[in-house]
Structure formats: structure tokens, C-alpha cells
Amino acid sequence: MYWLWTKGCVILIKIKPEVENRLFVKFLKTKSIKQVQIAKALDISQQLVSKWCKGKCEPSLNAIIKMSETFGIPIEEIVLAFKKN
């Protein structure tokens, strides 16, 4: 929750903590990569990949490098998929 001060009034704004990382989700779709494929390739849980998609966290540099090597995608493309909107 956030407080917003406007014209002498305090307004309480409730924001969902999970804001889907649309860029990463779109990136996966355009590359035809499924969450389970990433999880298996990186030897991580599918829940962690899901957290990336939901915007709860971002992959480590090692995970980004491994994704790049495994799927033949330039590191820059993967990093840009996590760019904040």
C-alpha cells in the first residue's frame, strides 16, 4: 500500500504487489520458450521462473548467461526483457 498526498488530503492507494513482467512473458512467447524449459535448463524450480514472470524477482547474472548459452539468445535481449516499464 502507498500513501499519496494530494491537495492537503491523504489518499490510500492499494497496489498489487505482483505486477506481471509483461516484457519477459512476451519475450518467452516470441521465442516459443516455456517456463518449464527454462527451469530444466537452468536446474532451478519452475516456481522461480514463475516469480520472474510475475515480476517478484529477477534472474541472477549467471542465470541470464546460462539462458543465453542454452537457447542461443543474446544476453542483451534477455536483459531488455527485464527492463522496468
C-alpha atoms as a PDB file:
ATOM      1  CA  MET A   1       0.000   0.000   0.000  1.00  0.00           C
ATOM      2  CA  TYR A   2       1.129   3.516  -0.723  1.00  0.00           C
ATOM      3  CA  TRP A   3       0.106   6.865   0.696  1.00  0.00           C
ATOM      4  CA  LEU A   4      -0.448   9.721  -1.726  1.00  0.00           C
ATOM      5  CA  TRP A   5      -0.571  13.324  -0.532  1.00  0.00           C
ATOM      6  CA  THR A   6      -2.838  15.412  -2.745  1.00  0.00           C
ATOM      7  CA  LYS A   7      -4.255  18.913  -2.122  1.00  0.00           C
ATOM      8  CA  GLY A   8      -3.961  18.575   1.644  1.00  0.00           C
ATOM      9  CA  CYS A   9      -5.569  15.124   1.687  1.00  0.00           C
ATOM     10  CA  VAL A  10      -4.027  11.748   2.232  1.00  0.00           C
ATOM     11  CA  ILE A  11      -5.258   9.074  -0.128  1.00  0.00           C
ATOM     12  CA  LEU A  12      -4.523   5.401   0.440  1.00  0.00           C
ATOM     13  CA  ILE A  13      -3.718   3.546  -2.754  1.00  0.00           C
ATOM     14  CA  LYS A  14      -3.583  -0.221  -2.804  1.00  0.00           C
ATOM     15  CA  ILE A  15      -1.300  -1.626  -5.482  1.00  0.00           C
ATOM     16  CA  LYS A  16      -0.996  -5.304  -6.264  1.00  0.00           C
ATOM     17  CA  PRO A  17       2.466  -6.495  -5.264  1.00  0.00           C
ATOM     18  CA  GLU A  18       2.567  -8.841  -8.239  1.00  0.00           C
ATOM     19  CA  VAL A  19       2.835  -6.822 -11.404  1.00  0.00           C
ATOM     20  CA  GLU A  20       3.335  -9.208 -14.262  1.00  0.00           C
ATOM     21  CA  ASN A  21       6.575  -8.715 -16.124  1.00  0.00           C
ATOM     22  CA  ARG A  22       4.872  -8.390 -19.495  1.00  0.00           C
ATOM     23  CA  LEU A  23       8.117  -7.881 -21.386  1.00  0.00           C
ATOM     24  CA  PHE A  24       9.584 -11.169 -20.147  1.00  0.00           C
ATOM     25  CA  VAL A  25       6.325 -13.059 -20.706  1.00  0.00           C
ATOM     26  CA  LYS A  26       6.113 -11.643 -24.254  1.00  0.00           C
ATOM     27  CA  PHE A  27       9.783 -12.484 -24.783  1.00  0.00           C
ATOM     28  CA  LEU A  28       9.132 -16.128 -23.844  1.00  0.00           C
ATOM     29  CA  LYS A  29       6.148 -16.305 -26.187  1.00  0.00           C
ATOM     30  CA  THR A  30       8.010 -14.828 -29.159  1.00  0.00           C
ATOM     31  CA  LYS A  31      10.883 -17.268 -28.609  1.00  0.00           C
ATOM     32  CA  SER A  32       8.456 -20.190 -28.033  1.00  0.00           C
ATOM     33  CA  ILE A  33      10.099 -20.996 -24.712  1.00  0.00           C
ATOM     34  CA  LYS A  34       8.093 -22.396 -21.824  1.00  0.00           C
ATOM     35  CA  GLN A  35       8.785 -21.769 -18.147  1.00  0.00           C
ATOM     36  CA  VAL A  36       9.406 -25.464 -17.580  1.00  0.00           C
ATOM     37  CA  GLN A  37      12.098 -25.476 -20.292  1.00  0.00           C
ATOM     38  CA  ILE A  38      13.964 -22.645 -18.577  1.00  0.00           C
ATOM     39  CA  ALA A  39      13.651 -24.351 -15.203  1.00  0.00           C
ATOM     40  CA  LYS A  40      15.070 -27.632 -16.526  1.00  0.00           C
ATOM     41  CA  ALA A  41      17.855 -25.946 -18.498  1.00  0.00           C
ATOM     42  CA  LEU A  42      18.974 -23.855 -15.520  1.00  0.00           C
ATOM     43  CA  ASP A  43      18.341 -26.589 -12.941  1.00  0.00           C
ATOM     44  CA  ILE A  44      16.032 -24.330 -10.939  1.00  0.00           C
ATOM     45  CA  SER A  45      12.429 -24.623  -9.810  1.00  0.00           C
ATOM     46  CA  GLN A  46       9.582 -23.705 -12.100  1.00  0.00           C
ATOM     47  CA  GLN A  47       8.275 -21.565  -9.227  1.00  0.00           C
ATOM     48  CA  LEU A  48      11.355 -19.337  -9.502  1.00  0.00           C
ATOM     49  CA  VAL A  49      10.776 -18.829 -13.227  1.00  0.00           C
ATOM     50  CA  SER A  50       7.151 -18.039 -12.401  1.00  0.00           C
ATOM     51  CA  LYS A  51       8.354 -15.360  -9.973  1.00  0.00           C
ATOM     52  CA  TRP A  52      10.380 -13.811 -12.792  1.00  0.00           C
ATOM     53  CA  CYS A  53       7.246 -13.729 -14.955  1.00  0.00           C
ATOM     54  CA  LYS A  54       5.208 -12.192 -12.153  1.00  0.00           C
ATOM     55  CA  GLY A  55       7.814  -9.510 -11.512  1.00  0.00           C
ATOM     56  CA  LYS A  56       8.527 -10.712  -7.965  1.00  0.00           C
ATOM     57  CA  CYS A  57      12.246 -11.087  -8.651  1.00  0.00           C
ATOM     58  CA  GLU A  58      14.771 -11.126 -11.471  1.00  0.00           C
ATOM     59  CA  PRO A  59      17.271 -13.755 -12.557  1.00  0.00           C
ATOM     60  CA  SER A  60      20.894 -13.628 -11.480  1.00  0.00           C
ATOM     61  CA  LEU A  61      23.604 -12.784 -13.969  1.00  0.00           C
ATOM     62  CA  ASN A  62      24.610 -16.457 -14.021  1.00  0.00           C
ATOM     63  CA  ALA A  63      21.035 -17.451 -14.921  1.00  0.00           C
ATOM     64  CA  ILE A  64      20.940 -14.881 -17.716  1.00  0.00           C
ATOM     65  CA  ILE A  65      24.241 -16.148 -19.121  1.00  0.00           C
ATOM     66  CA  LYS A  66      23.045 -19.767 -18.953  1.00  0.00           C
ATOM     67  CA  MET A  67      19.755 -18.844 -20.707  1.00  0.00           C
ATOM     68  CA  SER A  68      21.766 -17.117 -23.414  1.00  0.00           C
ATOM     69  CA  GLU A  69      24.020 -20.129 -23.947  1.00  0.00           C
ATOM     70  CA  THR A  70      21.209 -22.709 -23.757  1.00  0.00           C
ATOM     71  CA  PHE A  71      18.701 -21.017 -26.051  1.00  0.00           C
ATOM     72  CA  GLY A  72      21.133 -19.143 -28.313  1.00  0.00           C
ATOM     73  CA  ILE A  73      19.722 -15.741 -27.438  1.00  0.00           C
ATOM     74  CA  PRO A  74      21.962 -12.685 -26.999  1.00  0.00           C
ATOM     75  CA  ILE A  75      22.354 -11.602 -23.374  1.00  0.00           C
ATOM     76  CA  GLU A  76      21.196  -8.087 -24.308  1.00  0.00           C
ATOM     77  CA  GLU A  77      17.806  -9.433 -25.437  1.00  0.00           C
ATOM     78  CA  ILE A  78      17.286 -11.270 -22.163  1.00  0.00           C
ATOM     79  CA  VAL A  79      18.314  -8.263 -20.082  1.00  0.00           C
ATOM     80  CA  LEU A  80      15.961  -5.995 -22.044  1.00  0.00           C
ATOM     81  CA  ALA A  81      13.110  -8.429 -21.337  1.00  0.00           C
ATOM     82  CA  PHE A  82      13.506  -7.488 -17.657  1.00  0.00           C
ATOM     83  CA  LYS A  83      13.585  -3.756 -18.282  1.00  0.00           C
ATOM     84  CA  LYS A  84      11.233  -1.891 -15.965  1.00  0.00           C
ATOM     85  CA  ASN A  85       8.209  -0.385 -17.714  1.00  0.00           C
END
